[in-house]
N, C-alpha and C. Protein backbone atom coordinates (compact mmCIF):
# COMPACT_ATOMS: atom_id res chain seq x y z
N MET A 1 0.84 -1.18 0.00
CA MET A 1 0.00 0.00 0.00
C MET A 1 0.89 1.25 0.00
N PRO A 2 0.40 2.33 -0.58
CA PRO A 2 1.16 3.58 -0.51
C PRO A 2 1.36 3.99 0.95
N LEU A 3 2.41 4.73 1.20
CA LEU A 3 2.76 5.12 2.56
C LEU A 3 1.60 5.74 3.34
N PRO A 4 0.80 6.69 2.81
CA PRO A 4 -0.27 7.28 3.60
C PRO A 4 -1.35 6.27 4.02
N ALA A 5 -1.49 5.18 3.29
CA ALA A 5 -2.54 4.21 3.59
C ALA A 5 -2.10 3.15 4.59
N ARG A 6 -0.81 3.08 4.88
CA ARG A 6 -0.32 2.06 5.81
C ARG A 6 -0.58 2.46 7.26
N ARG A 7 -0.88 1.44 8.05
CA ARG A 7 -0.99 1.68 9.49
C ARG A 7 0.40 1.66 10.09
N ASP A 8 0.58 2.43 11.15
CA ASP A 8 1.86 2.42 11.84
C ASP A 8 1.93 1.16 12.69
N GLN A 9 2.75 0.22 12.27
CA GLN A 9 2.85 -1.07 12.96
C GLN A 9 3.53 -0.96 14.32
N THR A 10 4.23 0.15 14.58
CA THR A 10 4.94 0.31 15.84
C THR A 10 4.12 1.06 16.88
N ALA A 11 2.96 1.57 16.50
CA ALA A 11 2.14 2.35 17.44
C ALA A 11 1.61 1.45 18.55
N ARG A 12 1.54 1.98 19.75
CA ARG A 12 1.04 1.19 20.87
C ARG A 12 -0.48 1.08 20.84
N GLU A 13 -1.16 2.11 20.35
CA GLU A 13 -2.61 2.07 20.23
C GLU A 13 -2.97 1.95 18.76
N PRO A 14 -4.12 1.33 18.46
CA PRO A 14 -4.51 1.20 17.05
C PRO A 14 -4.62 2.57 16.39
N SER A 15 -4.06 2.68 15.20
CA SER A 15 -4.14 3.93 14.46
C SER A 15 -5.37 3.90 13.55
N THR A 16 -5.58 4.99 12.85
CA THR A 16 -6.72 5.06 11.94
C THR A 16 -6.24 5.20 10.51
N LEU A 17 -7.10 4.78 9.60
CA LEU A 17 -6.84 4.92 8.18
C LEU A 17 -7.88 5.88 7.64
N CYS A 18 -7.47 7.06 7.27
CA CYS A 18 -8.39 8.07 6.73
C CYS A 18 -9.55 8.36 7.68
N GLY A 19 -9.28 8.40 8.96
CA GLY A 19 -10.31 8.73 9.93
C GLY A 19 -11.25 7.59 10.28
N ILE A 20 -10.96 6.38 9.83
CA ILE A 20 -11.79 5.23 10.14
C ILE A 20 -11.16 4.51 11.32
N ASP A 21 -11.89 4.38 12.40
CA ASP A 21 -11.35 3.76 13.61
C ASP A 21 -11.07 2.28 13.40
N TYR A 22 -10.05 1.80 14.05
CA TYR A 22 -9.64 0.40 13.98
C TYR A 22 -10.75 -0.51 14.48
N GLY A 23 -11.04 -1.57 13.74
CA GLY A 23 -11.99 -2.59 14.17
C GLY A 23 -13.42 -2.39 13.72
N LEU A 24 -13.76 -1.23 13.14
CA LEU A 24 -15.13 -1.00 12.70
C LEU A 24 -15.38 -1.68 11.35
N PRO A 25 -16.64 -2.09 11.08
CA PRO A 25 -16.96 -2.68 9.77
C PRO A 25 -16.75 -1.65 8.66
N LEU A 26 -16.24 -2.13 7.53
CA LEU A 26 -15.96 -1.25 6.39
C LEU A 26 -16.66 -1.73 5.14
N VAL A 27 -16.84 -0.81 4.21
CA VAL A 27 -17.33 -1.13 2.87
C VAL A 27 -16.23 -0.72 1.91
N PHE A 28 -15.87 -1.63 1.04
CA PHE A 28 -14.81 -1.40 0.07
C PHE A 28 -15.41 -1.49 -1.32
N ALA A 29 -15.13 -0.50 -2.16
CA ALA A 29 -15.60 -0.52 -3.55
C ALA A 29 -14.44 -0.11 -4.45
N ALA A 30 -14.34 -0.74 -5.59
CA ALA A 30 -13.27 -0.41 -6.52
C ALA A 30 -13.78 -0.50 -7.95
N ALA A 31 -13.25 0.38 -8.77
CA ALA A 31 -13.49 0.35 -10.21
C ALA A 31 -12.12 0.30 -10.87
N ALA A 32 -11.69 -0.91 -11.21
CA ALA A 32 -10.33 -1.10 -11.74
C ALA A 32 -10.12 -0.31 -13.03
N SER A 33 -11.12 -0.26 -13.89
CA SER A 33 -10.96 0.45 -15.15
C SER A 33 -10.74 1.95 -14.95
N GLU A 34 -11.27 2.48 -13.86
CA GLU A 34 -11.10 3.91 -13.54
C GLU A 34 -9.96 4.14 -12.57
N GLN A 35 -9.36 3.06 -12.07
CA GLN A 35 -8.29 3.11 -11.07
C GLN A 35 -8.72 3.89 -9.84
N VAL A 36 -9.91 3.53 -9.33
CA VAL A 36 -10.48 4.19 -8.16
C VAL A 36 -10.77 3.14 -7.11
N MET A 37 -10.43 3.45 -5.86
CA MET A 37 -10.74 2.59 -4.74
C MET A 37 -11.31 3.47 -3.62
N VAL A 38 -12.42 3.02 -3.04
CA VAL A 38 -13.06 3.78 -1.96
C VAL A 38 -13.26 2.86 -0.77
N VAL A 39 -12.88 3.34 0.39
CA VAL A 39 -13.10 2.61 1.63
C VAL A 39 -13.83 3.56 2.57
N ARG A 40 -14.98 3.14 3.07
CA ARG A 40 -15.77 3.95 3.99
C ARG A 40 -16.25 3.06 5.12
N SER A 41 -16.55 3.68 6.24
CA SER A 41 -17.13 2.91 7.35
C SER A 41 -18.54 2.49 6.97
N ALA A 42 -18.99 1.37 7.48
CA ALA A 42 -20.34 0.89 7.19
C ALA A 42 -21.37 1.88 7.68
N ALA A 43 -21.12 2.55 8.80
CA ALA A 43 -22.06 3.54 9.32
C ALA A 43 -22.21 4.72 8.36
N THR A 44 -21.11 5.15 7.74
CA THR A 44 -21.17 6.24 6.76
C THR A 44 -21.98 5.83 5.55
N ILE A 45 -21.76 4.61 5.05
CA ILE A 45 -22.51 4.12 3.89
C ILE A 45 -24.00 4.01 4.24
N ALA A 46 -24.32 3.50 5.42
CA ALA A 46 -25.73 3.39 5.84
C ALA A 46 -26.38 4.77 5.89
N SER A 47 -25.67 5.75 6.41
CA SER A 47 -26.20 7.11 6.49
C SER A 47 -26.43 7.70 5.10
N MET A 48 -25.48 7.48 4.19
CA MET A 48 -25.61 7.98 2.82
C MET A 48 -26.78 7.32 2.09
N LEU A 49 -26.94 6.00 2.26
CA LEU A 49 -28.05 5.30 1.61
C LEU A 49 -29.39 5.74 2.18
N THR A 50 -29.44 5.95 3.48
CA THR A 50 -30.68 6.42 4.11
C THR A 50 -31.09 7.78 3.55
N ALA A 51 -30.14 8.69 3.48
CA ALA A 51 -30.43 10.03 2.94
C ALA A 51 -30.87 9.95 1.48
N HIS A 52 -30.18 9.13 0.69
CA HIS A 52 -30.52 9.01 -0.73
C HIS A 52 -31.92 8.46 -0.94
N TYR A 53 -32.22 7.33 -0.29
CA TYR A 53 -33.52 6.71 -0.52
C TYR A 53 -34.66 7.48 0.13
N THR A 54 -34.38 8.22 1.20
CA THR A 54 -35.41 9.10 1.76
C THR A 54 -35.76 10.17 0.74
N HIS A 55 -34.75 10.74 0.11
CA HIS A 55 -34.98 11.75 -0.92
C HIS A 55 -35.76 11.16 -2.11
N VAL A 56 -35.36 9.97 -2.55
CA VAL A 56 -36.05 9.33 -3.68
C VAL A 56 -37.52 9.09 -3.35
N ILE A 57 -37.78 8.56 -2.18
CA ILE A 57 -39.17 8.27 -1.79
C ILE A 57 -39.98 9.55 -1.69
N GLU A 58 -39.41 10.59 -1.11
CA GLU A 58 -40.14 11.85 -0.94
C GLU A 58 -40.40 12.55 -2.27
N THR A 59 -39.50 12.42 -3.23
CA THR A 59 -39.68 13.11 -4.51
C THR A 59 -40.44 12.26 -5.54
N GLU A 60 -40.23 10.96 -5.53
CA GLU A 60 -40.88 10.09 -6.51
C GLU A 60 -42.26 9.62 -6.07
N TYR A 61 -42.45 9.50 -4.78
CA TYR A 61 -43.72 9.01 -4.25
C TYR A 61 -44.21 9.94 -3.15
N PRO A 62 -44.62 11.15 -3.53
CA PRO A 62 -45.06 12.09 -2.49
C PRO A 62 -46.31 11.57 -1.78
N ALA A 63 -46.44 11.96 -0.53
CA ALA A 63 -47.61 11.55 0.26
C ALA A 63 -48.87 12.16 -0.37
N PRO A 64 -49.95 11.40 -0.45
CA PRO A 64 -51.18 11.94 -1.04
C PRO A 64 -51.75 13.06 -0.17
N VAL A 65 -52.30 14.05 -0.83
CA VAL A 65 -52.94 15.15 -0.12
C VAL A 65 -54.34 14.68 0.29
N PRO A 66 -54.67 14.78 1.57
CA PRO A 66 -56.00 14.32 2.01
C PRO A 66 -57.11 15.13 1.36
N ASP A 67 -58.19 14.45 1.04
CA ASP A 67 -59.36 15.10 0.47
C ASP A 67 -60.07 15.84 1.60
N ARG A 68 -60.22 17.15 1.47
CA ARG A 68 -60.81 17.96 2.55
C ARG A 68 -62.26 17.54 2.84
N GLU A 69 -62.99 17.12 1.84
CA GLU A 69 -64.38 16.73 2.06
C GLU A 69 -64.48 15.49 2.94
N SER A 70 -63.56 14.57 2.79
CA SER A 70 -63.63 13.34 3.59
C SER A 70 -63.22 13.57 5.03
N GLU A 71 -62.52 14.69 5.31
CA GLU A 71 -62.09 14.98 6.66
C GLU A 71 -63.17 15.72 7.46
N SER A 72 -64.19 16.21 6.80
CA SER A 72 -65.23 17.00 7.48
C SER A 72 -66.01 16.11 8.44
N PRO A 73 -66.17 16.53 9.70
CA PRO A 73 -66.93 15.72 10.65
C PRO A 73 -68.41 15.64 10.30
N ASP A 74 -68.90 16.57 9.45
CA ASP A 74 -70.31 16.56 9.08
C ASP A 74 -70.62 15.57 7.95
N THR A 75 -69.60 15.08 7.30
CA THR A 75 -69.80 14.15 6.19
C THR A 75 -70.01 12.75 6.75
N PRO A 76 -71.09 12.08 6.33
CA PRO A 76 -71.35 10.72 6.85
C PRO A 76 -70.38 9.72 6.31
């Protein structure tokens, strides 16, 4: 691995890789043709997916507007 990506093997306490704490679950994705590699914590990926799909649901499937006539207490 390139020097910035290596953990310090001599450190007494676990070090971090790009701000990811030692021992946490990770998600790894790579696109070899683009020469791109991404490593993120599972919690970060879960948060990103939640935000994305919340946006998709709110924009693609908006909540129906209640019919005012059906809400009237005088309507049988």
